[in-house]
Amino acid sequence: MPRLSRNFFQRDAETLARGLLGQVLVRVLEDGTRLAGRIIETEAYLGVEDKAAHSFGGRHTPRNAAMWGPAGHAYVYFIYGMHHCVNVVAATPGDPAAVLLRALEPLEGLETMRRHRAGRIAAARLRDRDLCSGPAKLAQALAIDRALDHADLVAGEVLFIERGRRVPPQRIIATPRIGIDYAQEWAGKPLRFVIG
């Protein structure tokens, strides 16, 4: 499948979060195994004014440096001392906005994803729909960690996004983002998008 162009990512995070629904995230492992899933849930983080964004107030650190760079790159961070999450950088350099990938519909490499996700739950008991049903699960299933921070999702060889199916606007449901109660008035803004 053709990949999304750089121009696709060069828009505000809310528009990009909607546009990423239906597209396909691909991870190619060192042995050539291809893991892929259709993006079915996203959250937009709008940059310096967004109290839930890692770049709120102009915060620029080594951890969030990818957010400040060019669109179409990955911003991968480590949270709670145990989980990775992957974001897609939006907009233009210097405008630190990104889209958190919250869930995928697994399409390729499900048995490998199942092995990556096995732990407290035996691999055989993991249902397909549960493999990538949250941001940390998604990263674990696709073996995405900080080594892929800044990865070029347009021209890269190990992590990229291919063109999938466009989701009609009437099928997109907007809700408040999850787990950001600290963000005051930003906590209730409808910046989480799912396919309905």
C-alpha atoms as a PDB file:
ATOM      1  CA  MET A   1       0.000   0.000   0.000  1.00  0.00           C
ATOM      2  CA  PRO A   2       1.220   3.539  -0.607  1.00  0.00           C
ATOM      3  CA  ARG A   3       2.404   5.542   2.358  1.00  0.00           C
ATOM      4  CA  LEU A   4       0.916   8.782   3.563  1.00  0.00           C
ATOM      5  CA  SER A   5       2.779  11.842   2.277  1.00  0.00           C
ATOM      6  CA  ARG A   6       4.508  14.437   4.460  1.00  0.00           C
ATOM      7  CA  ASN A   7       1.747  16.903   3.557  1.00  0.00           C
ATOM      8  CA  PHE A   8      -0.824  14.620   5.174  1.00  0.00           C
ATOM      9  CA  PHE A   9       0.774  15.230   8.577  1.00  0.00           C
ATOM     10  CA  GLN A  10       1.324  18.979   8.169  1.00  0.00           C
ATOM     11  CA  ARG A  11      -1.983  20.071   9.688  1.00  0.00           C
ATOM     12  CA  ASP A  12      -3.318  20.880  13.108  1.00  0.00           C
ATOM     13  CA  ALA A  13      -3.436  17.970  15.552  1.00  0.00           C
ATOM     14  CA  GLU A  14      -7.229  17.793  15.751  1.00  0.00           C
ATOM     15  CA  THR A  15      -7.593  17.492  11.982  1.00  0.00           C
ATOM     16  CA  LEU A  16      -4.751  14.977  11.853  1.00  0.00           C
ATOM     17  CA  ALA A  17      -6.279  12.909  14.679  1.00  0.00           C
ATOM     18  CA  ARG A  18      -9.464  12.559  12.634  1.00  0.00           C
ATOM     19  CA  GLY A  19      -7.532  11.876   9.421  1.00  0.00           C
ATOM     20  CA  LEU A  20      -5.415   9.125  10.950  1.00  0.00           C
ATOM     21  CA  LEU A  21      -8.482   7.011  11.674  1.00  0.00           C
ATOM     22  CA  GLY A  22      -8.575   4.193   9.131  1.00  0.00           C
ATOM     23  CA  GLN A  23      -4.878   4.526   8.192  1.00  0.00           C
ATOM     24  CA  VAL A  24      -2.458   1.643   8.811  1.00  0.00           C
ATOM     25  CA  LEU A  25       0.477   1.744  11.231  1.00  0.00           C
ATOM     26  CA  VAL A  26       3.270  -0.640  10.192  1.00  0.00           C
ATOM     27  CA  ARG A  27       6.216  -1.910  12.224  1.00  0.00           C
ATOM     28  CA  VAL A  28       8.916  -4.009  10.553  1.00  0.00           C
ATOM     29  CA  LEU A  29      11.028  -6.044  12.962  1.00  0.00           C
ATOM     30  CA  GLU A  30      14.742  -6.807  12.524  1.00  0.00           C
ATOM     31  CA  ASP A  31      13.947 -10.245  11.101  1.00  0.00           C
ATOM     32  CA  GLY A  32      11.644  -8.697   8.482  1.00  0.00           C
ATOM     33  CA  THR A  33       8.402  -9.628  10.245  1.00  0.00           C
ATOM     34  CA  ARG A  34       5.735  -7.085   9.401  1.00  0.00           C
ATOM     35  CA  LEU A  35       3.227  -6.053  12.076  1.00  0.00           C
ATOM     36  CA  ALA A  36       0.349  -3.813  11.061  1.00  0.00           C
ATOM     37  CA  GLY A  37      -2.926  -2.459  12.359  1.00  0.00           C
ATOM     38  CA  ARG A  38      -5.650  -0.060  11.314  1.00  0.00           C
ATOM     39  CA  ILE A  39      -5.805   3.058  13.509  1.00  0.00           C
ATOM     40  CA  ILE A  40      -9.201   3.128  15.239  1.00  0.00           C
ATOM     41  CA  GLU A  41      -8.709   5.523  18.160  1.00  0.00           C
ATOM     42  CA  THR A  42      -6.666   8.728  18.513  1.00  0.00           C
ATOM     43  CA  GLU A  43      -6.259  11.729  20.792  1.00  0.00           C
ATOM     44  CA  ALA A  44      -5.139  15.207  19.730  1.00  0.00           C
ATOM     45  CA  TYR A  45      -2.687  17.226  21.833  1.00  0.00           C
ATOM     46  CA  LEU A  46      -2.665  20.801  20.643  1.00  0.00           C
ATOM     47  CA  GLY A  47       0.675  22.136  21.843  1.00  0.00           C
ATOM     48  CA  VAL A  48       1.716  24.960  24.130  1.00  0.00           C
ATOM     49  CA  GLU A  49      -1.821  26.091  25.063  1.00  0.00           C
ATOM     50  CA  ASP A  50      -3.093  22.552  25.797  1.00  0.00           C
ATOM     51  CA  LYS A  51      -2.711  21.805  29.524  1.00  0.00           C
ATOM     52  CA  ALA A  52      -2.678  18.063  28.800  1.00  0.00           C
ATOM     53  CA  ALA A  53       0.140  18.246  26.221  1.00  0.00           C
ATOM     54  CA  HIS A  54       3.733  17.448  27.148  1.00  0.00           C
ATOM     55  CA  SER A  55       4.672  20.732  25.466  1.00  0.00           C
ATOM     56  CA  PHE A  56       2.210  22.852  27.505  1.00  0.00           C
ATOM     57  CA  GLY A  57       3.548  26.301  28.309  1.00  0.00           C
ATOM     58  CA  GLY A  58       6.417  25.890  25.859  1.00  0.00           C
ATOM     59  CA  ARG A  59       8.036  22.989  27.735  1.00  0.00           C
ATOM     60  CA  HIS A  60      10.892  21.729  25.574  1.00  0.00           C
ATOM     61  CA  THR A  61      12.902  18.834  27.003  1.00  0.00           C
ATOM     62  CA  PRO A  62      14.952  15.931  25.632  1.00  0.00           C
ATOM     63  CA  ARG A  63      11.919  13.695  26.288  1.00  0.00           C
ATOM     64  CA  ASN A  64       9.491  15.718  24.130  1.00  0.00           C
ATOM     65  CA  ALA A  65      11.969  17.067  21.546  1.00  0.00           C
ATOM     66  CA  ALA A  66      10.289  15.128  18.717  1.00  0.00           C
ATOM     67  CA  MET A  67       7.090  17.143  19.248  1.00  0.00           C
ATOM     68  CA  TRP A  68       8.985  20.296  18.281  1.00  0.00           C
ATOM     69  CA  GLY A  69      10.294  18.839  15.034  1.00  0.00           C
ATOM     70  CA  PRO A  70       8.838  18.165  11.608  1.00  0.00           C
ATOM     71  CA  ALA A  71       5.441  16.572  11.076  1.00  0.00           C
ATOM     72  CA  GLY A  72       5.198  12.903  10.209  1.00  0.00           C
ATOM     73  CA  HIS A  73       7.665  11.707  12.827  1.00  0.00           C
ATOM     74  CA  ALA A  74       7.051   9.544  15.878  1.00  0.00           C
ATOM     75  CA  TYR A  75       7.113  10.891  19.403  1.00  0.00           C
ATOM     76  CA  VAL A  76       7.539   7.894  21.713  1.00  0.00           C
ATOM     77  CA  TYR A  77       7.568   8.374  25.470  1.00  0.00           C
ATOM     78  CA  PHE A  78       7.818   6.169  28.545  1.00  0.00           C
ATOM     79  CA  ILE A  79       5.136   6.529  31.218  1.00  0.00           C
ATOM     80  CA  TYR A  80       4.550   5.212  34.750  1.00  0.00           C
ATOM     81  CA  GLY A  81       7.967   3.580  34.639  1.00  0.00           C
ATOM     82  CA  MET A  82       6.598   0.677  32.606  1.00  0.00           C
ATOM     83  CA  HIS A  83       4.767   1.619  29.383  1.00  0.00           C
ATOM     84  CA  HIS A  84       5.617   3.209  26.047  1.00  0.00           C
ATOM     85  CA  CYS A  85       3.151   5.290  24.028  1.00  0.00           C
ATOM     86  CA  VAL A  86       3.497   6.399  20.407  1.00  0.00           C
ATOM     87  CA  ASN A  87       2.357   9.711  18.958  1.00  0.00           C
ATOM     88  CA  VAL A  88       2.412  11.195  15.476  1.00  0.00           C
ATOM     89  CA  VAL A  89       3.880  14.696  15.254  1.00  0.00           C
ATOM     90  CA  ALA A  90       1.544  17.187  13.566  1.00  0.00           C
ATOM     91  CA  ALA A  91       1.694  20.752  12.221  1.00  0.00           C
ATOM     92  CA  THR A  92       5.064  22.411  11.538  1.00  0.00           C
ATOM     93  CA  PRO A  93       8.462  22.553  13.287  1.00  0.00           C
ATOM     94  CA  GLY A  94       8.232  24.753  16.357  1.00  0.00           C
ATOM     95  CA  ASP A  95       4.509  24.045  16.838  1.00  0.00           C
ATOM     96  CA  PRO A  96       4.684  21.092  19.286  1.00  0.00           C
ATOM     97  CA  ALA A  97       1.408  19.305  18.596  1.00  0.00           C
ATOM     98  CA  ALA A  98       0.917  15.558  18.271  1.00  0.00           C
ATOM     99  CA  VAL A  99      -1.639  12.784  18.029  1.00  0.00           C
ATOM    100  CA  LEU A 100      -1.569   9.864  20.470  1.00  0.00           C
ATOM    101  CA  LEU A 101      -2.361   6.539  18.812  1.00  0.00           C
ATOM    102  CA  ARG A 102      -4.717   4.905  21.329  1.00  0.00           C
ATOM    103  CA  ALA A 103      -5.834   1.720  19.566  1.00  0.00           C
ATOM    104  CA  LEU A 104      -5.412  -0.389  16.443  1.00  0.00           C
ATOM    105  CA  GLU A 105      -7.399  -3.108  14.753  1.00  0.00           C
ATOM    106  CA  PRO A 106      -4.662  -5.752  14.231  1.00  0.00           C
ATOM    107  CA  LEU A 107      -4.225  -6.739  10.580  1.00  0.00           C
ATOM    108  CA  GLU A 108      -0.842  -8.473  10.131  1.00  0.00           C
ATOM    109  CA  GLY A 109       1.527 -10.372  12.393  1.00  0.00           C
ATOM    110  CA  LEU A 110      -1.056 -11.186  15.047  1.00  0.00           C
ATOM    111  CA  GLU A 111       0.814 -14.198  16.437  1.00  0.00           C
ATOM    112  CA  THR A 112       3.943 -12.092  16.928  1.00  0.00           C
ATOM    113  CA  MET A 113       1.861  -9.356  18.550  1.00  0.00           C
ATOM    114  CA  ARG A 114       0.354 -11.996  20.818  1.00  0.00           C
ATOM    115  CA  ARG A 115       3.835 -13.154  21.918  1.00  0.00           C
ATOM    116  CA  HIS A 116       4.905  -9.554  22.568  1.00  0.00           C
ATOM    117  CA  ARG A 117       1.818  -8.957  24.703  1.00  0.00           C
ATOM    118  CA  ALA A 118       1.940 -12.239  26.648  1.00  0.00           C
ATOM    119  CA  GLY A 119       2.679 -11.853  30.317  1.00  0.00           C
ATOM    120  CA  ARG A 120       0.116 -12.145  33.051  1.00  0.00           C
ATOM    121  CA  ILE A 121      -2.276 -13.350  30.348  1.00  0.00           C
ATOM    122  CA  ALA A 122      -1.098 -16.352  28.339  1.00  0.00           C
ATOM    123  CA  ALA A 123      -0.608 -15.614  24.635  1.00  0.00           C
ATOM    124  CA  ALA A 124      -3.249 -18.163  23.646  1.00  0.00           C
ATOM    125  CA  ARG A 125      -5.873 -16.392  25.761  1.00  0.00           C
ATOM    126  CA  LEU A 126      -5.309 -12.937  24.225  1.00  0.00           C
ATOM    127  CA  ARG A 127      -8.165 -12.112  21.866  1.00  0.00           C
ATOM    128  CA  ASP A 128      -7.309 -10.356  18.601  1.00  0.00           C
ATOM    129  CA  ARG A 129      -9.319  -7.271  19.546  1.00  0.00           C
ATOM    130  CA  ASP A 130      -7.394  -6.939  22.846  1.00  0.00           C
ATOM    131  CA  LEU A 131      -3.903  -6.998  21.323  1.00  0.00           C
ATOM    132  CA  CYS A 132      -3.772  -3.243  20.582  1.00  0.00           C
ATOM    133  CA  SER A 133      -6.762  -1.948  22.573  1.00  0.00           C
ATOM    134  CA  GLY A 134      -4.891   0.814  24.400  1.00  0.00           C
ATOM    135  CA  PRO A 135      -1.837   3.002  23.830  1.00  0.00           C
ATOM    136  CA  ALA A 136       0.525   0.910  25.974  1.00  0.00           C
ATOM    137  CA  LYS A 137      -0.812  -2.381  24.565  1.00  0.00           C
ATOM    138  CA  LEU A 138      -0.365  -1.059  21.038  1.00  0.00           C
ATOM    139  CA  ALA A 139       3.279  -0.114  21.671  1.00  0.00           C
ATOM    140  CA  GLN A 140       4.010  -3.439  23.365  1.00  0.00           C
ATOM    141  CA  ALA A 141       2.342  -5.479  20.610  1.00  0.00           C
ATOM    142  CA  LEU A 142       4.325  -3.696  17.891  1.00  0.00           C
ATOM    143  CA  ALA A 143       7.608  -3.572  19.876  1.00  0.00           C
ATOM    144  CA  ILE A 144       7.684   0.224  19.863  1.00  0.00           C
ATOM    145  CA  ASP A 145       9.961   1.851  22.432  1.00  0.00           C
ATOM    146  CA  ARG A 146      12.109   4.966  22.885  1.00  0.00           C
ATOM    147  CA  ALA A 147      14.554   3.673  20.258  1.00  0.00           C
ATOM    148  CA  LEU A 148      11.853   4.653  17.717  1.00  0.00           C
ATOM    149  CA  ASP A 149      11.401   8.184  19.058  1.00  0.00           C
ATOM    150  CA  HIS A 150      11.861  10.608  16.107  1.00  0.00           C
ATOM    151  CA  ALA A 151      11.296   7.770  13.575  1.00  0.00           C
ATOM    152  CA  ASP A 152      10.269   9.137  10.186  1.00  0.00           C
ATOM    153  CA  LEU A 153       6.776   7.754   9.540  1.00  0.00           C
ATOM    154  CA  VAL A 154       6.906   8.830   5.880  1.00  0.00           C
ATOM    155  CA  ALA A 155      10.315   7.601   4.700  1.00  0.00           C
ATOM    156  CA  GLY A 156      11.404   5.224   7.471  1.00  0.00           C
ATOM    157  CA  GLU A 157      11.872   1.484   7.049  1.00  0.00           C
ATOM    158  CA  VAL A 158      10.916   0.157  10.498  1.00  0.00           C
ATOM    159  CA  LEU A 159       7.926   2.294  11.509  1.00  0.00           C
ATOM    160  CA  PHE A 160       5.622   4.057   9.042  1.00  0.00           C
ATOM    161  CA  ILE A 161       2.010   4.731   8.127  1.00  0.00           C
ATOM    162  CA  GLU A 162       0.349   3.442   4.979  1.00  0.00           C
ATOM    163  CA  ARG A 163      -2.786   4.764   3.375  1.00  0.00           C
ATOM    164  CA  GLY A 164      -5.838   2.856   4.525  1.00  0.00           C
ATOM    165  CA  ARG A 165      -9.536   3.550   4.238  1.00  0.00           C
ATOM    166  CA  ARG A 166     -10.911   7.040   4.687  1.00  0.00           C
ATOM    167  CA  VAL A 167     -13.437   7.131   7.527  1.00  0.00           C
ATOM    168  CA  PRO A 168     -16.538   9.232   6.687  1.00  0.00           C
ATOM    169  CA  PRO A 169     -16.921  12.183   9.108  1.00  0.00           C
ATOM    170  CA  GLN A 170     -20.328  10.934  10.265  1.00  0.00           C
ATOM    171  CA  ARG A 171     -18.683   7.740  11.587  1.00  0.00           C
ATOM    172  CA  ILE A 172     -16.198   9.617  13.790  1.00  0.00           C
ATOM    173  CA  ILE A 173     -17.193  10.042  17.427  1.00  0.00           C
ATOM    174  CA  ALA A 174     -15.476  12.749  19.498  1.00  0.00           C
ATOM    175  CA  THR A 175     -15.212  12.437  23.295  1.00  0.00           C
ATOM    176  CA  PRO A 176     -12.998  13.896  26.044  1.00  0.00           C
ATOM    177  CA  ARG A 177      -9.503  12.443  26.270  1.00  0.00           C
ATOM    178  CA  ILE A 178      -8.758   9.730  28.820  1.00  0.00           C
ATOM    179  CA  GLY A 179      -6.729  10.097  32.020  1.00  0.00           C
ATOM    180  CA  ILE A 180      -6.127  13.848  31.969  1.00  0.00           C
ATOM    181  CA  ASP A 181      -8.254  15.093  34.869  1.00  0.00           C
ATOM    182  CA  TYR A 182      -5.325  17.325  35.923  1.00  0.00           C
ATOM    183  CA  ALA A 183      -5.712  19.415  32.754  1.00  0.00           C
ATOM    184  CA  GLN A 184      -8.502  21.623  34.176  1.00  0.00           C
ATOM    185  CA  GLU A 185     -10.702  23.077  31.422  1.00  0.00           C
ATOM    186  CA  TRP A 186      -8.834  21.006  28.818  1.00  0.00           C
ATOM    187  CA  ALA A 187      -9.937  17.748  30.438  1.00  0.00           C
ATOM    188  CA  GLY A 188     -13.442  17.990  28.962  1.00  0.00           C
ATOM    189  CA  LYS A 189     -12.561  19.079  25.433  1.00  0.00           C
ATOM    190  CA  PRO A 190     -13.680  16.489  22.831  1.00  0.00           C
ATOM    191  CA  LEU A 191     -10.240  15.660  21.410  1.00  0.00           C
ATOM    192  CA  ARG A 192     -10.436  11.848  21.487  1.00  0.00           C
ATOM    193  CA  PHE A 193     -11.679  10.292  18.256  1.00  0.00           C
ATOM    194  CA  VAL A 194     -12.999   6.791  17.635  1.00  0.00           C
ATOM    195  CA  ILE A 195     -14.694   5.078  14.731  1.00  0.00           C
ATOM    196  CA  GLY A 196     -18.382   4.551  15.513  1.00  0.00           C
END
